[in-house]
C-alpha atoms as a PDB file:
ATOM      1  CA  MET A   1     -48.802  33.674  10.446  1.00  0.00           C
ATOM      2  CA  TYR A   2     -45.143  32.707  10.575  1.00  0.00           C
ATOM      3  CA  THR A   3     -42.928  35.696   9.935  1.00  0.00           C
ATOM      4  CA  ASN A   4     -39.173  35.426  10.088  1.00  0.00           C
ATOM      5  CA  THR A   5     -36.427  37.558   8.618  1.00  0.00           C
ATOM      6  CA  ASP A   6     -33.864  35.213   7.131  1.00  0.00           C
ATOM      7  CA  ALA A   7     -30.310  35.721   8.353  1.00  0.00           C
ATOM      8  CA  HIS A   8     -28.853  35.431   4.868  1.00  0.00           C
ATOM      9  CA  SER A   9     -31.094  37.467   2.640  1.00  0.00           C
ATOM     10  CA  GLY A  10     -33.269  39.659   4.858  1.00  0.00           C
ATOM     11  CA  ARG A  11     -36.367  38.298   3.115  1.00  0.00           C
ATOM     12  CA  VAL A  12     -39.486  37.522   5.115  1.00  0.00           C
ATOM     13  CA  HIS A  13     -41.494  34.260   5.167  1.00  0.00           C
ATOM     14  CA  THR A  14     -45.201  34.975   5.412  1.00  0.00           C
ATOM     15  CA  LEU A  15     -47.135  31.893   4.241  1.00  0.00           C
ATOM     16  CA  GLY A  16     -46.802  29.957   7.489  1.00  0.00           C
ATOM     17  CA  ILE A  17     -45.638  26.483   8.415  1.00  0.00           C
ATOM     18  CA  VAL A  18     -47.497  23.453   7.020  1.00  0.00           C
ATOM     19  CA  ASP A  19     -47.753  20.336   9.213  1.00  0.00           C
ATOM     20  CA  MET A  20     -49.283  17.463   7.282  1.00  0.00           C
ATOM     21  CA  HIS A  21     -49.958  15.156  10.226  1.00  0.00           C
ATOM     22  CA  PHE A  22     -51.806  16.059  13.408  1.00  0.00           C
ATOM     23  CA  ASP A  23     -54.164  13.684  15.262  1.00  0.00           C
ATOM     24  CA  LEU A  24     -56.528  16.531  16.062  1.00  0.00           C
ATOM     25  CA  PRO A  25     -59.786  14.617  15.360  1.00  0.00           C
ATOM     26  CA  LEU A  26     -58.749  11.859  17.788  1.00  0.00           C
ATOM     27  CA  GLY A  27     -58.091  14.426  20.499  1.00  0.00           C
ATOM     28  CA  LEU A  28     -61.424  16.132  19.866  1.00  0.00           C
ATOM     29  CA  PHE A  29     -63.250  12.809  19.967  1.00  0.00           C
ATOM     30  CA  ASP A  30     -61.596  11.760  23.229  1.00  0.00           C
ATOM     31  CA  ARG A  31     -62.730  15.031  24.821  1.00  0.00           C
ATOM     32  CA  ARG A  32     -66.093  15.269  23.098  1.00  0.00           C
ATOM     33  CA  ALA A  33     -67.825  16.491  26.259  1.00  0.00           C
ATOM     34  CA  GLN A  34     -65.852  19.724  25.953  1.00  0.00           C
ATOM     35  CA  GLN A  35     -66.633  22.511  23.505  1.00  0.00           C
ATOM     36  CA  GLY A  36     -64.381  25.184  22.032  1.00  0.00           C
ATOM     37  CA  LEU A  37     -61.163  23.161  22.208  1.00  0.00           C
ATOM     38  CA  ILE A  38     -59.841  24.338  18.833  1.00  0.00           C
ATOM     39  CA  ARG A  39     -60.670  27.957  19.642  1.00  0.00           C
ATOM     40  CA  ASP A  40     -59.378  27.975  23.211  1.00  0.00           C
ATOM     41  CA  GLU A  41     -56.524  25.460  23.199  1.00  0.00           C
ATOM     42  CA  PHE A  42     -55.228  24.800  19.696  1.00  0.00           C
ATOM     43  CA  VAL A  43     -55.551  28.155  17.934  1.00  0.00           C
ATOM     44  CA  PRO A  44     -53.271  29.897  20.461  1.00  0.00           C
ATOM     45  CA  GLU A  45     -50.598  27.229  19.976  1.00  0.00           C
ATOM     46  CA  LEU A  46     -50.902  27.247  16.185  1.00  0.00           C
ATOM     47  CA  ARG A  47     -50.741  31.046  16.071  1.00  0.00           C
ATOM     48  CA  ALA A  48     -47.749  31.125  18.424  1.00  0.00           C
ATOM     49  CA  GLY A  49     -45.898  28.703  16.167  1.00  0.00           C
ATOM     50  CA  GLY A  50     -46.821  30.445  12.930  1.00  0.00           C
ATOM     51  CA  VAL A  51     -48.649  27.396  11.552  1.00  0.00           C
ATOM     52  CA  SER A  52     -50.940  28.097   8.604  1.00  0.00           C
ATOM     53  CA  LEU A  53     -52.126  24.639   7.510  1.00  0.00           C
ATOM     54  CA  ILE A  54     -52.487  21.253   9.191  1.00  0.00           C
ATOM     55  CA  GLY A  55     -53.388  17.787   8.018  1.00  0.00           C
ATOM     56  CA  ALA A  56     -55.999  16.618  10.560  1.00  0.00           C
ATOM     57  CA  ALA A  57     -55.922  12.811  10.593  1.00  0.00           C
ATOM     58  CA  LEU A  58     -58.887  10.548  11.274  1.00  0.00           C
ATOM     59  CA  PHE A  59     -57.601   7.598  13.302  1.00  0.00           C
ATOM     60  CA  VAL A  60     -59.687   4.900  14.994  1.00  0.00           C
ATOM     61  CA  GLU A  61     -58.236   3.207  18.062  1.00  0.00           C
ATOM     62  CA  ASP A  62     -58.076  -0.584  18.264  1.00  0.00           C
ATOM     63  CA  LYS A  63     -60.739  -0.760  20.965  1.00  0.00           C
ATOM     64  CA  TYR A  64     -63.396   0.438  18.518  1.00  0.00           C
ATOM     65  CA  LEU A  65     -62.573  -2.027  15.745  1.00  0.00           C
ATOM     66  CA  PRO A  66     -64.088  -3.513  13.748  1.00  0.00           C
ATOM     67  CA  GLU A  67     -67.701  -2.819  14.713  1.00  0.00           C
ATOM     68  CA  MET A  68     -67.381   0.861  15.618  1.00  0.00           C
ATOM     69  CA  GLY A  69     -64.781   1.985  13.073  1.00  0.00           C
ATOM     70  CA  LEU A  70     -67.133   3.818  10.731  1.00  0.00           C
ATOM     71  CA  ARG A  71     -69.174   5.378  13.513  1.00  0.00           C
ATOM     72  CA  VAL A  72     -66.116   6.690  15.376  1.00  0.00           C
ATOM     73  CA  ALA A  73     -64.575   8.143  12.207  1.00  0.00           C
ATOM     74  CA  LEU A  74     -67.837   9.919  11.349  1.00  0.00           C
ATOM     75  CA  ASP A  75     -68.037  11.224  14.903  1.00  0.00           C
ATOM     76  CA  GLN A  76     -64.490  12.578  14.553  1.00  0.00           C
ATOM     77  CA  VAL A  77     -65.456  14.377  11.348  1.00  0.00           C
ATOM     78  CA  ALA A  78     -68.543  15.839  13.027  1.00  0.00           C
ATOM     79  CA  ARG A  79     -66.514  16.983  16.038  1.00  0.00           C
ATOM     80  CA  LEU A  80     -63.982  18.618  13.736  1.00  0.00           C
ATOM     81  CA  TYR A  81     -66.630  20.549  11.819  1.00  0.00           C
ATOM     82  CA  ASP A  82     -68.375  21.626  15.023  1.00  0.00           C
ATOM     83  CA  GLU A  83     -65.119  22.800  16.585  1.00  0.00           C
ATOM     84  CA  VAL A  84     -64.012  24.658  13.445  1.00  0.00           C
ATOM     85  CA  ALA A  85     -67.386  26.432  13.399  1.00  0.00           C
ATOM     86  CA  LEU A  86     -66.719  27.685  16.933  1.00  0.00           C
ATOM     87  CA  ALA A  87     -63.295  28.935  15.781  1.00  0.00           C
ATOM     88  CA  SER A  88     -64.404  30.247  12.391  1.00  0.00           C
ATOM     89  CA  HIS A  89     -62.666  33.595  12.878  1.00  0.00           C
ATOM     90  CA  ASP A  90     -59.328  31.747  12.896  1.00  0.00           C
ATOM     91  CA  VAL A  91     -59.794  28.358  11.214  1.00  0.00           C
ATOM     92  CA  MET A  92     -61.377  26.901   8.081  1.00  0.00           C
ATOM     93  CA  ILE A  93     -61.584  23.468   6.509  1.00  0.00           C
ATOM     94  CA  CYS A  94     -59.996  23.341   3.059  1.00  0.00           C
ATOM     95  CA  ARG A  95     -61.255  20.995   0.349  1.00  0.00           C
ATOM     96  CA  ASP A  96     -59.095  22.206  -2.535  1.00  0.00           C
ATOM     97  CA  TYR A  97     -56.132  24.443  -3.249  1.00  0.00           C
ATOM     98  CA  ALA A  98     -58.335  27.466  -3.877  1.00  0.00           C
ATOM     99  CA  SER A  99     -59.660  27.211  -0.335  1.00  0.00           C
ATOM    100  CA  ILE A 100     -56.088  26.950   1.001  1.00  0.00           C
ATOM    101  CA  GLU A 101     -55.347  30.218  -0.775  1.00  0.00           C
ATOM    102  CA  GLN A 102     -58.571  31.677   0.594  1.00  0.00           C
ATOM    103  CA  ALA A 103     -57.483  30.757   4.127  1.00  0.00           C
ATOM    104  CA  GLN A 104     -54.114  32.412   3.530  1.00  0.00           C
ATOM    105  CA  ARG A 105     -55.726  35.637   2.305  1.00  0.00           C
ATOM    106  CA  ALA A 106     -58.068  35.692   5.315  1.00  0.00           C
ATOM    107  CA  ASP A 107     -55.215  34.979   7.746  1.00  0.00           C
ATOM    108  CA  LYS A 108     -56.942  31.765   8.830  1.00  0.00           C
ATOM    109  CA  ILE A 109     -55.413  28.413   9.724  1.00  0.00           C
ATOM    110  CA  GLY A 110     -56.392  25.866   7.078  1.00  0.00           C
ATOM    111  CA  VAL A 111     -57.350  22.288   7.904  1.00  0.00           C
ATOM    112  CA  ILE A 112     -57.000  19.441   5.399  1.00  0.00           C
ATOM    113  CA  ILE A 113     -58.860  16.315   6.559  1.00  0.00           C
ATOM    114  CA  THR A 114     -56.810  13.148   6.130  1.00  0.00           C
ATOM    115  CA  MET A 115     -57.332   9.487   7.003  1.00  0.00           C
ATOM    116  CA  GLU A 116     -54.735   7.372   8.817  1.00  0.00           C
ATOM    117  CA  GLY A 117     -55.783   3.809   8.027  1.00  0.00           C
ATOM    118  CA  VAL A 118     -58.854   2.867   6.000  1.00  0.00           C
ATOM    119  CA  GLU A 119     -60.529   0.883   8.791  1.00  0.00           C
ATOM    120  CA  PRO A 120     -63.606   3.172   8.607  1.00  0.00           C
ATOM    121  CA  LEU A 121     -64.277   1.848   5.108  1.00  0.00           C
ATOM    122  CA  GLY A 122     -64.458  -1.786   6.173  1.00  0.00           C
ATOM    123  CA  THR A 123     -64.539  -3.408   2.743  1.00  0.00           C
ATOM    124  CA  ASP A 124     -67.038  -0.960   1.210  1.00  0.00           C
ATOM    125  CA  LEU A 125     -65.352   1.139  -1.468  1.00  0.00           C
ATOM    126  CA  HIS A 126     -68.415   3.393  -1.744  1.00  0.00           C
ATOM    127  CA  LEU A 127     -67.628   4.806   1.689  1.00  0.00           C
ATOM    128  CA  LEU A 128     -64.446   6.334   0.295  1.00  0.00           C
ATOM    129  CA  ARG A 129     -66.622   8.598  -1.846  1.00  0.00           C
ATOM    130  CA  ALA A 130     -68.672   9.469   1.230  1.00  0.00           C
ATOM    131  CA  PHE A 131     -65.546  10.524   3.128  1.00  0.00           C
ATOM    132  CA  TYR A 132     -64.368  12.473   0.085  1.00  0.00           C
ATOM    133  CA  GLU A 133     -67.645  14.418   0.153  1.00  0.00           C
ATOM    134  CA  LEU A 134     -67.021  15.095   3.853  1.00  0.00           C
ATOM    135  CA  GLY A 135     -63.679  16.660   2.950  1.00  0.00           C
ATOM    136  CA  VAL A 136     -61.068  13.899   3.177  1.00  0.00           C
ATOM    137  CA  ARG A 137     -58.290  14.767   0.729  1.00  0.00           C
ATOM    138  CA  SER A 138     -55.417  12.473   1.731  1.00  0.00           C
ATOM    139  CA  VAL A 139     -55.502   8.791   2.691  1.00  0.00           C
ATOM    140  CA  GLY A 140     -52.927   6.548   4.305  1.00  0.00           C
ATOM    141  CA  LEU A 141     -53.941   2.933   3.829  1.00  0.00           C
ATOM    142  CA  THR A 142     -52.782   1.529   7.161  1.00  0.00           C
ATOM    143  CA  HIS A 143     -51.448   2.290  10.588  1.00  0.00           C
ATOM    144  CA  ALA A 144     -49.179  -0.276  12.282  1.00  0.00           C
ATOM    145  CA  ARG A 145     -51.854  -2.970  12.143  1.00  0.00           C
ATOM    146  CA  ARG A 146     -53.437  -5.067   9.416  1.00  0.00           C
ATOM    147  CA  ASN A 147     -56.689  -4.018   7.833  1.00  0.00           C
ATOM    148  CA  ALA A 148     -58.684  -4.937   4.731  1.00  0.00           C
ATOM    149  CA  ALA A 149     -56.300  -2.972   2.488  1.00  0.00           C
ATOM    150  CA  GLY A 150     -52.922  -4.248   3.677  1.00  0.00           C
ATOM    151  CA  ASP A 151     -50.385  -4.280   6.481  1.00  0.00           C
ATOM    152  CA  GLY A 152     -48.439  -1.676   8.381  1.00  0.00           C
ATOM    153  CA  GLY A 153     -44.705  -1.596   8.963  1.00  0.00           C
ATOM    154  CA  VAL A 154     -43.666  -2.819  12.393  1.00  0.00           C
ATOM    155  CA  PHE A 155     -41.854  -0.764  15.013  1.00  0.00           C
ATOM    156  CA  ALA A 156     -38.795  -3.008  14.752  1.00  0.00           C
ATOM    157  CA  PRO A 157     -35.872  -3.491  12.327  1.00  0.00           C
ATOM    158  CA  ALA A 158     -37.585  -6.485  10.703  1.00  0.00           C
ATOM    159  CA  GLY A 159     -40.746  -8.537  10.854  1.00  0.00           C
ATOM    160  CA  SER A 160     -43.348  -6.665   8.827  1.00  0.00           C
ATOM    161  CA  PRO A 161     -45.731  -8.947   6.918  1.00  0.00           C
ATOM    162  CA  PRO A 162     -44.257  -9.727   3.489  1.00  0.00           C
ATOM    163  CA  ALA A 163     -47.497  -9.512   1.510  1.00  0.00           C
ATOM    164  CA  GLY A 164     -48.474  -6.435  -0.457  1.00  0.00           C
ATOM    165  CA  LEU A 165     -51.854  -4.789  -0.776  1.00  0.00           C
ATOM    166  CA  SER A 166     -55.008  -6.858  -0.873  1.00  0.00           C
ATOM    167  CA  SER A 167     -57.285  -6.653  -3.891  1.00  0.00           C
ATOM    168  CA  PHE A 168     -59.414  -4.247  -1.867  1.00  0.00           C
ATOM    169  CA  GLY A 169     -56.355  -2.143  -1.066  1.00  0.00           C
ATOM    170  CA  LYS A 170     -55.462  -1.910  -4.734  1.00  0.00           C
ATOM    171  CA  THR A 171     -59.020  -0.858  -5.542  1.00  0.00           C
ATOM    172  CA  VAL A 172     -58.816   1.863  -2.873  1.00  0.00           C
ATOM    173  CA  VAL A 173     -55.609   3.152  -4.461  1.00  0.00           C
ATOM    174  CA  ARG A 174     -57.245   3.364  -7.882  1.00  0.00           C
ATOM    175  CA  GLU A 175     -60.312   5.099  -6.464  1.00  0.00           C
ATOM    176  CA  CYS A 176     -58.162   7.630  -4.627  1.00  0.00           C
ATOM    177  CA  GLN A 177     -56.486   8.438  -7.908  1.00  0.00           C
ATOM    178  CA  ARG A 178     -59.862   8.812  -9.628  1.00  0.00           C
ATOM    179  CA  LEU A 179     -61.295  11.094  -6.944  1.00  0.00           C
ATOM    180  CA  GLY A 180     -58.197  13.227  -6.505  1.00  0.00           C
ATOM    181  CA  ILE A 181     -57.257  11.996  -3.030  1.00  0.00           C
ATOM    182  CA  LEU A 182     -53.552  12.256  -2.218  1.00  0.00           C
ATOM    183  CA  LEU A 183     -52.075   8.877  -1.238  1.00  0.00           C
ATOM    184  CA  ASP A 184     -49.946   8.746   1.893  1.00  0.00           C
ATOM    185  CA  LEU A 185     -47.430   5.913   2.383  1.00  0.00           C
ATOM    186  CA  ALA A 186     -46.847   6.550   6.104  1.00  0.00           C
ATOM    187  CA  HIS A 187     -46.996   3.343   8.191  1.00  0.00           C
ATOM    188  CA  LEU A 188     -47.429   1.078   5.145  1.00  0.00           C
ATOM    189  CA  ASN A 189     -45.227  -2.021   4.972  1.00  0.00           C
ATOM    190  CA  ALA A 190     -42.532  -2.265   2.305  1.00  0.00           C
ATOM    191  CA  ALA A 191     -44.477  -4.565  -0.016  1.00  0.00           C
ATOM    192  CA  GLY A 192     -47.495  -2.267   0.195  1.00  0.00           C
ATOM    193  CA  VAL A 193     -45.345   0.738  -0.670  1.00  0.00           C
ATOM    194  CA  ASP A 194     -44.064  -1.112  -3.731  1.00  0.00           C
ATOM    195  CA  ASP A 195     -47.620  -1.885  -4.800  1.00  0.00           C
ATOM    196  CA  VAL A 196     -48.744   1.745  -4.496  1.00  0.00           C
ATOM    197  CA  LEU A 197     -45.738   2.850  -6.537  1.00  0.00           C
ATOM    198  CA  ALA A 198     -46.613   0.304  -9.231  1.00  0.00           C
ATOM    199  CA  LEU A 199     -50.290   1.293  -9.332  1.00  0.00           C
ATOM    200  CA  THR A 200     -49.823   5.063  -9.541  1.00  0.00           C
ATOM    201  CA  ASP A 201     -47.961   7.603 -11.598  1.00  0.00           C
ATOM    202  CA  GLY A 202     -48.433  10.911  -9.775  1.00  0.00           C
ATOM    203  CA  PRO A 203     -47.050  12.454  -6.589  1.00  0.00           C
ATOM    204  CA  LEU A 204     -47.219  10.441  -3.379  1.00  0.00           C
ATOM    205  CA  ILE A 205     -46.375  11.545   0.126  1.00  0.00           C
ATOM    206  CA  ILE A 206     -45.122  10.120   3.402  1.00  0.00           C
ATOM    207  CA  SER A 207     -46.881  12.532   5.724  1.00  0.00           C
ATOM    208  CA  HIS A 208     -44.933  11.727   8.891  1.00  0.00           C
ATOM    209  CA  SER A 209     -41.845   9.560   8.986  1.00  0.00           C
ATOM    210  CA  ASN A 210     -38.112   9.506   9.605  1.00  0.00           C
ATOM    211  CA  PRO A 211     -35.200   8.001   7.714  1.00  0.00           C
ATOM    212  CA  ARG A 212     -34.354   4.461   8.768  1.00  0.00           C
ATOM    213  CA  TYR A 213     -30.735   5.578   8.592  1.00  0.00           C
ATOM    214  CA  PHE A 214     -31.212   7.178  12.023  1.00  0.00           C
ATOM    215  CA  HIS A 215     -33.816   4.896  13.600  1.00  0.00           C
ATOM    216  CA  ASP A 216     -33.878   1.440  12.040  1.00  0.00           C
ATOM    217  CA  ILE A 217     -37.504   0.392  12.313  1.00  0.00           C
ATOM    218  CA  GLU A 218     -39.668  -0.675   9.411  1.00  0.00           C
ATOM    219  CA  ARG A 219     -42.262   1.938  10.293  1.00  0.00           C
ATOM    220  CA  ASN A 220     -39.669   4.518   9.181  1.00  0.00           C
ATOM    221  CA  SER A 221     -38.668   5.109   5.549  1.00  0.00           C
ATOM    222  CA  SER A 222     -35.802   3.452   3.728  1.00  0.00           C
ATOM    223  CA  ASP A 223     -33.491   5.397   1.446  1.00  0.00           C
ATOM    224  CA  ALA A 224     -35.077   3.652  -1.544  1.00  0.00           C
ATOM    225  CA  GLN A 225     -38.578   4.689  -0.468  1.00  0.00           C
ATOM    226  CA  ILE A 226     -37.495   8.277   0.102  1.00  0.00           C
ATOM    227  CA  ARG A 227     -35.905   8.434  -3.344  1.00  0.00           C
ATOM    228  CA  ALA A 228     -38.949   6.843  -4.981  1.00  0.00           C
ATOM    229  CA  VAL A 229     -41.330   9.394  -3.456  1.00  0.00           C
ATOM    230  CA  ALA A 230     -38.983  12.232  -4.413  1.00  0.00           C
ATOM    231  CA  ALA A 231     -38.775  10.946  -7.985  1.00  0.00           C
ATOM    232  CA  ARG A 232     -42.571  11.374  -8.216  1.00  0.00           C
ATOM    233  CA  GLY A 233     -42.381  14.963  -6.998  1.00  0.00           C
ATOM    234  CA  GLY A 234     -43.669  13.915  -3.575  1.00  0.00           C
ATOM    235  CA  VAL A 235     -42.721  14.973  -0.052  1.00  0.00           C
ATOM    236  CA  ILE A 236     -41.597  13.234   3.137  1.00  0.00           C
ATOM    237  CA  GLY A 237     -42.738  14.951   6.340  1.00  0.00           C
ATOM    238  CA  ILE A 238     -40.163  14.698   9.137  1.00  0.00           C
ATOM    239  CA  ASN A 239     -41.695  13.342  12.333  1.00  0.00           C
ATOM    240  CA  ALA A 240     -40.861  14.849  15.731  1.00  0.00           C
ATOM    241  CA  VAL A 241     -41.782  11.697  17.673  1.00  0.00           C
ATOM    242  CA  LEU A 242     -39.767   8.772  16.287  1.00  0.00           C
ATOM    243  CA  LEU A 243     -36.466  10.514  15.678  1.00  0.00           C
ATOM    244  CA  THR A 244     -34.284   8.089  17.579  1.00  0.00           C
ATOM    245  CA  ALA A 245     -33.983   5.072  19.848  1.00  0.00           C
ATOM    246  CA  ASP A 246     -31.553   7.031  22.020  1.00  0.00           C
ATOM    247  CA  PRO A 247     -33.253   9.541  24.350  1.00  0.00           C
ATOM    248  CA  THR A 248     -30.086  11.652  24.492  1.00  0.00           C
ATOM    249  CA  LYS A 249     -30.473  12.307  20.757  1.00  0.00           C
ATOM    250  CA  ALA A 250     -34.091  13.489  20.978  1.00  0.00           C
ATOM    251  CA  THR A 251     -33.118  17.072  20.188  1.00  0.00           C
ATOM    252  CA  LEU A 252     -34.113  19.845  17.839  1.00  0.00           C
ATOM    253  CA  ASP A 253     -30.694  19.612  16.238  1.00  0.00           C
ATOM    254  CA  HIS A 254     -31.276  15.923  15.486  1.00  0.00           C
ATOM    255  CA  PHE A 255     -34.645  16.792  13.944  1.00  0.00           C
ATOM    256  CA  VAL A 256     -32.828  19.112  11.554  1.00  0.00           C
ATOM    257  CA  ASP A 257     -30.218  16.390  10.936  1.00  0.00           C
ATOM    258  CA  GLN A 258     -33.047  14.371   9.421  1.00  0.00           C
ATOM    259  CA  VAL A 259     -34.308  17.263   7.326  1.00  0.00           C
ATOM    260  CA  ALA A 260     -30.771  17.652   6.000  1.00  0.00           C
ATOM    261  CA  TYR A 261     -30.416  13.913   5.364  1.00  0.00           C
ATOM    262  CA  VAL A 262     -33.540  13.729   3.204  1.00  0.00           C
ATOM    263  CA  ALA A 263     -32.538  16.899   1.379  1.00  0.00           C
ATOM    264  CA  ASP A 264     -29.073  15.488   0.627  1.00  0.00           C
ATOM    265  CA  LEU A 265     -30.472  12.098  -0.362  1.00  0.00           C
ATOM    266  CA  ALA A 266     -33.411  13.152  -2.508  1.00  0.00           C
ATOM    267  CA  GLY A 267     -33.330  16.923  -2.940  1.00  0.00           C
ATOM    268  CA  ILE A 268     -34.635  19.836  -0.909  1.00  0.00           C
ATOM    269  CA  GLU A 269     -37.952  19.631  -2.819  1.00  0.00           C
ATOM    270  CA  ALA A 270     -38.648  16.268  -1.156  1.00  0.00           C
ATOM    271  CA  VAL A 271     -38.696  17.305   2.508  1.00  0.00           C
ATOM    272  CA  GLY A 272     -41.407  18.883   4.641  1.00  0.00           C
ATOM    273  CA  ILE A 273     -42.888  18.751   8.140  1.00  0.00           C
ATOM    274  CA  GLY A 274     -45.155  16.078   9.640  1.00  0.00           C
ATOM    275  CA  PHE A 275     -44.734  16.700  13.357  1.00  0.00           C
ATOM    276  CA  ASP A 276     -47.213  14.076  14.648  1.00  0.00           C
ATOM    277  CA  PHE A 277     -47.464  15.839  18.010  1.00  0.00           C
ATOM    278  CA  ILE A 278     -49.186  13.503  20.484  1.00  0.00           C
ATOM    279  CA  GLU A 279     -48.537  14.959  23.932  1.00  0.00           C
ATOM    280  CA  PHE A 280     -51.889  16.770  23.819  1.00  0.00           C
ATOM    281  CA  ILE A 281     -53.609  13.361  23.633  1.00  0.00           C
ATOM    282  CA  PHE A 282     -51.463  11.547  26.176  1.00  0.00           C
ATOM    283  CA  ARG A 283     -51.901  14.130  28.917  1.00  0.00           C
ATOM    284  CA  HIS A 284     -55.636  13.390  28.989  1.00  0.00           C
ATOM    285  CA  TRP A 285     -55.211   9.602  29.018  1.00  0.00           C
ATOM    286  CA  THR A 286     -55.003   7.388  32.047  1.00  0.00           C
ATOM    287  CA  PRO A 287     -51.649   5.736  32.849  1.00  0.00           C
ATOM    288  CA  GLU A 288     -53.193   2.447  31.745  1.00  0.00           C
ATOM    289  CA  GLN A 289     -54.113   3.870  28.330  1.00  0.00           C
ATOM    290  CA  GLN A 290     -50.643   5.312  27.873  1.00  0.00           C
ATOM    291  CA  ALA A 291     -48.994   2.018  28.825  1.00  0.00           C
ATOM    292  CA  ALA A 292     -51.197   0.067  26.419  1.00  0.00           C
ATOM    293  CA  LEU A 293     -50.263   2.309  23.499  1.00  0.00           C
ATOM    294  CA  SER A 294     -46.549   2.167  24.332  1.00  0.00           C
ATOM    295  CA  ALA A 295     -46.726  -1.635  24.508  1.00  0.00           C
ATOM    296  CA  SER A 296     -48.338  -1.827  21.072  1.00  0.00           C
ATOM    297  CA  MET A 297     -45.755   0.423  19.404  1.00  0.00           C
ATOM    298  CA  ILE A 298     -42.360   1.577  20.688  1.00  0.00           C
ATOM    299  CA  GLU A 299     -40.860   4.018  23.164  1.00  0.00           C
ATOM    300  CA  ALA A 300     -40.985   7.537  21.758  1.00  0.00           C
ATOM    301  CA  TYR A 301     -38.966  10.368  23.229  1.00  0.00           C
ATOM    302  CA  PRO A 302     -40.279  13.948  23.209  1.00  0.00           C
ATOM    303  CA  VAL A 303     -37.967  16.597  21.806  1.00  0.00           C
ATOM    304  CA  PRO A 304     -37.447  19.498  24.214  1.00  0.00           C
ATOM    305  CA  GLY A 305     -38.623  22.656  22.486  1.00  0.00           C
ATOM    306  CA  LEU A 306     -40.621  20.657  19.938  1.00  0.00           C
ATOM    307  CA  THR A 307     -43.626  19.057  21.623  1.00  0.00           C
ATOM    308  CA  ASN A 308     -46.518  21.159  20.311  1.00  0.00           C
ATOM    309  CA  HIS A 309     -47.265  23.654  17.583  1.00  0.00           C
ATOM    310  CA  SER A 310     -46.267  26.672  19.661  1.00  0.00           C
ATOM    311  CA  HIS A 311     -42.684  25.416  19.218  1.00  0.00           C
ATOM    312  CA  ALA A 312     -42.836  25.212  15.410  1.00  0.00           C
ATOM    313  CA  ARG A 313     -40.819  28.402  14.893  1.00  0.00           C
ATOM    314  CA  ASN A 314     -37.890  26.703  16.605  1.00  0.00           C
ATOM    315  CA  VAL A 315     -37.446  24.544  13.515  1.00  0.00           C
ATOM    316  CA  ALA A 316     -37.104  27.627  11.322  1.00  0.00           C
ATOM    317  CA  HIS A 317     -34.591  29.150  13.706  1.00  0.00           C
ATOM    318  CA  GLN A 318     -32.553  25.934  13.728  1.00  0.00           C
ATOM    319  CA  LEU A 319     -32.612  25.696   9.935  1.00  0.00           C
ATOM    320  CA  ILE A 320     -31.227  29.222   9.759  1.00  0.00           C
ATOM    321  CA  ALA A 321     -28.561  28.394  12.319  1.00  0.00           C
ATOM    322  CA  ARG A 322     -27.554  25.337  10.289  1.00  0.00           C
ATOM    323  CA  GLY A 323     -26.992  27.432   7.178  1.00  0.00           C
ATOM    324  CA  PHE A 324     -30.022  26.576   5.049  1.00  0.00           C
ATOM    325  CA  ARG A 325     -30.731  29.240   2.445  1.00  0.00           C
ATOM    326  CA  ASN A 326     -33.917  31.303   2.534  1.00  0.00           C
ATOM    327  CA  ASP A 327     -35.432  29.508  -0.465  1.00  0.00           C
ATOM    328  CA  GLU A 328     -34.613  26.108   1.061  1.00  0.00           C
ATOM    329  CA  ILE A 329     -36.270  27.048   4.358  1.00  0.00           C
ATOM    330  CA  GLU A 330     -39.404  28.156   2.518  1.00  0.00           C
ATOM    331  CA  LYS A 331     -39.603  24.805   0.734  1.00  0.00           C
ATOM    332  CA  VAL A 332     -39.214  22.795   3.936  1.00  0.00           C
ATOM    333  CA  LEU A 333     -41.648  24.854   6.011  1.00  0.00           C
ATOM    334  CA  TYR A 334     -44.450  25.142   3.489  1.00  0.00           C
ATOM    335  CA  GLY A 335     -43.478  25.365  -0.176  1.00  0.00           C
ATOM    336  CA  ASN A 336     -43.085  21.678  -0.925  1.00  0.00           C
ATOM    337  CA  TRP A 337     -46.373  20.699   0.702  1.00  0.00           C
ATOM    338  CA  LEU A 338     -48.256  23.498  -1.050  1.00  0.00           C
ATOM    339  CA  ARG A 339     -46.795  22.466  -4.399  1.00  0.00           C
ATOM    340  CA  VAL A 340     -47.954  18.857  -3.983  1.00  0.00           C
ATOM    341  CA  LEU A 341     -51.398  19.847  -2.708  1.00  0.00           C
ATOM    342  CA  LYS A 342     -51.887  22.221  -5.641  1.00  0.00           C
ATOM    343  CA  GLU A 343     -50.975  19.447  -8.081  1.00  0.00           C
ATOM    344  CA  THR A 344     -53.055  16.685  -6.474  1.00  0.00           C
ATOM    345  CA  ILE A 345     -56.182  18.072  -4.827  1.00  0.00           C
ATOM    346  CA  GLY A 346     -56.441  21.049  -7.196  1.00  0.00           C
END
């Protein structure tokens, strides 16, 4: 687990860093001929970085949609469970807050299953219950594309579809609330965000995003959206991938600039970590696959010293260097996410 003596107080952090967005199931699915990936590849990185809990996101690539969306998502869930079983000494899937605490006591890395885009549901609301029973505890309605629930925000300063959620999307929101699934606004277009805010009254999250103040694309979060999520007691996870349009600013210091910006704008209780590390996927893709993804989104610049979970401690060190207090560092690294998860997935 993450252990660091704070420069100001001498206290020690022991609960570990929480990263609420990691495309682990996609990586496992892409390499499904290999066994023991979590045990042999990911556990060492997570342990080195002091990470105690991850949000493992189900995401279905365009090439499988629409016909194969459900099948691929179910295959990702199966791969995740199989891989966790092979790493059971170190990892466990968490379905509620009690199991998160159990993982902490056992010094295991917890995994919360999330969904990035509801394409696997098609237009069948009953499938949401099926995924809930499989362990899904947080749902983002869209990625960058349109689906049956709504539209994503574009990777540009303007141009996202102006319409809000569909009737199906609104029904999904209500069912998430009924089941106790935490709603994630990441990637959703502005009108969709407004609809979710109007339809709900509890905490919401933006699992992985950045302030538009630094990188003006509609996929990122406006000041108004950040404040609205904070007002609900929610959390915005700072993304390590879309920090900037300027490669010279893709630095650890600029990552912490964005932590500080959200904290100043909406309060320290509103900011967490949503690294969205993707290098582990890209390095196994062909150049053609990488080019296709870049063409469909936007150029993203890796941050030296922050490209995988083994680097996660560097964020804590930089927060200390920037003068954050011990209690503030605890909130950013894990406390805020744990508070929201305890309140929402119980």
